[in-house]
């Protein structure tokens, strides 16, 4: 899976989990950014593939209970 697709999947999962909890969503996105070192929501479809970012995103998602 491409970095962009992974970021969209993780972001969508967080949105679904925190539908009625905007502060929880904000905290979860902050935790994801802290774990990965980048903001998943800012990764675009034309961003270059970065295996290190993919690895960190996969690890962060797993730690947060999100299956990729």
C-alpha atoms as a PDB file:
ATOM      1  CA  UNK A   1       0.000   0.000   0.000  1.00  0.00           C
ATOM      2  CA  UNK A   2       1.206   3.508  -0.764  1.00  0.00           C
ATOM      3  CA  UNK A   3       1.976   6.039   1.970  1.00  0.00           C
ATOM      4  CA  UNK A   4      -0.930   8.257   0.921  1.00  0.00           C
ATOM      5  CA  UNK A   5      -3.404   5.352   1.012  1.00  0.00           C
ATOM      6  CA  UNK A   6      -2.151   4.244   4.425  1.00  0.00           C
ATOM      7  CA  UNK A   7      -2.486   7.772   5.805  1.00  0.00           C
ATOM      8  CA  UNK A   8      -6.038   8.041   4.487  1.00  0.00           C
ATOM      9  CA  UNK A   9      -6.940   4.691   6.003  1.00  0.00           C
ATOM     10  CA  UNK A  10      -5.539   5.576   9.428  1.00  0.00           C
ATOM     11  CA  UNK A  11      -7.152   9.018   9.354  1.00  0.00           C
ATOM     12  CA  UNK A  12     -10.518   7.535   8.376  1.00  0.00           C
ATOM     13  CA  UNK A  13     -10.288   4.986  11.184  1.00  0.00           C
ATOM     14  CA  UNK A  14      -9.595   7.721  13.724  1.00  0.00           C
ATOM     15  CA  UNK A  15     -12.496   9.803  12.376  1.00  0.00           C
ATOM     16  CA  UNK A  16     -14.790   6.788  12.735  1.00  0.00           C
ATOM     17  CA  UNK A  17     -13.627   6.019  16.280  1.00  0.00           C
ATOM     18  CA  UNK A  18     -14.037   9.590  17.503  1.00  0.00           C
ATOM     19  CA  UNK A  19     -17.149  10.653  15.578  1.00  0.00           C
ATOM     20  CA  UNK A  20     -18.778  12.205  18.635  1.00  0.00           C
ATOM     21  CA  UNK A  21     -15.603  13.215  20.489  1.00  0.00           C
ATOM     22  CA  UNK A  22     -13.757  16.082  18.766  1.00  0.00           C
ATOM     23  CA  UNK A  23     -11.248  16.453  21.604  1.00  0.00           C
ATOM     24  CA  UNK A  24     -10.547  12.718  21.545  1.00  0.00           C
ATOM     25  CA  UNK A  25      -9.972  12.937  17.794  1.00  0.00           C
ATOM     26  CA  UNK A  26      -7.589  15.839  18.252  1.00  0.00           C
ATOM     27  CA  UNK A  27      -5.657  13.933  20.913  1.00  0.00           C
ATOM     28  CA  UNK A  28      -5.525  10.782  18.753  1.00  0.00           C
ATOM     29  CA  UNK A  29      -4.244  12.728  15.745  1.00  0.00           C
ATOM     30  CA  UNK A  30      -1.653  14.359  17.993  1.00  0.00           C
ATOM     31  CA  UNK A  31      -0.581  10.966  19.295  1.00  0.00           C
ATOM     32  CA  UNK A  32      -0.284   9.672  15.742  1.00  0.00           C
ATOM     33  CA  UNK A  33       1.823  12.684  14.739  1.00  0.00           C
ATOM     34  CA  UNK A  34       4.046  12.229  17.775  1.00  0.00           C
ATOM     35  CA  UNK A  35       4.560   8.541  17.024  1.00  0.00           C
ATOM     36  CA  UNK A  36       5.215   9.033  13.289  1.00  0.00           C
ATOM     37  CA  UNK A  37       6.989  12.376  13.239  1.00  0.00           C
ATOM     38  CA  UNK A  38       4.628  13.792  10.592  1.00  0.00           C
ATOM     39  CA  UNK A  39       0.976  14.748  10.133  1.00  0.00           C
ATOM     40  CA  UNK A  40      -0.781  11.947   8.273  1.00  0.00           C
ATOM     41  CA  UNK A  41      -3.556  14.310   7.194  1.00  0.00           C
ATOM     42  CA  UNK A  42      -1.090  16.454   5.261  1.00  0.00           C
ATOM     43  CA  UNK A  43       0.306  13.633   3.118  1.00  0.00           C
ATOM     44  CA  UNK A  44      -0.925  14.102  -0.434  1.00  0.00           C
ATOM     45  CA  UNK A  45      -1.282  11.716  -3.374  1.00  0.00           C
ATOM     46  CA  UNK A  46       1.731  13.253  -5.125  1.00  0.00           C
ATOM     47  CA  UNK A  47       4.059  13.108  -2.123  1.00  0.00           C
ATOM     48  CA  UNK A  48       7.084  10.882  -2.694  1.00  0.00           C
ATOM     49  CA  UNK A  49       7.054   7.382  -1.279  1.00  0.00           C
ATOM     50  CA  UNK A  50       9.167   7.165   1.844  1.00  0.00           C
ATOM     51  CA  UNK A  51       9.732   3.658   3.228  1.00  0.00           C
ATOM     52  CA  UNK A  52      10.734   5.078   6.614  1.00  0.00           C
ATOM     53  CA  UNK A  53       7.463   7.014   6.908  1.00  0.00           C
ATOM     54  CA  UNK A  54       5.516   3.916   5.898  1.00  0.00           C
ATOM     55  CA  UNK A  55       7.311   1.891   8.576  1.00  0.00           C
ATOM     56  CA  UNK A  56       6.670   4.509  11.273  1.00  0.00           C
ATOM     57  CA  UNK A  57       3.012   4.835  10.250  1.00  0.00           C
ATOM     58  CA  UNK A  58       2.505   1.072  10.362  1.00  0.00           C
ATOM     59  CA  UNK A  59       4.104   0.886  13.825  1.00  0.00           C
ATOM     60  CA  UNK A  60       2.057   3.807  15.136  1.00  0.00           C
ATOM     61  CA  UNK A  61      -1.190   2.406  13.737  1.00  0.00           C
ATOM     62  CA  UNK A  62      -0.503  -0.972  15.312  1.00  0.00           C
ATOM     63  CA  UNK A  63       0.270   0.646  18.670  1.00  0.00           C
ATOM     64  CA  UNK A  64      -3.041   2.511  18.446  1.00  0.00           C
ATOM     65  CA  UNK A  65      -4.991  -0.634  17.580  1.00  0.00           C
ATOM     66  CA  UNK A  66      -5.503   0.125  13.898  1.00  0.00           C
ATOM     67  CA  UNK A  67      -5.046  -2.768  11.476  1.00  0.00           C
ATOM     68  CA  UNK A  68      -3.414  -1.930   8.176  1.00  0.00           C
END
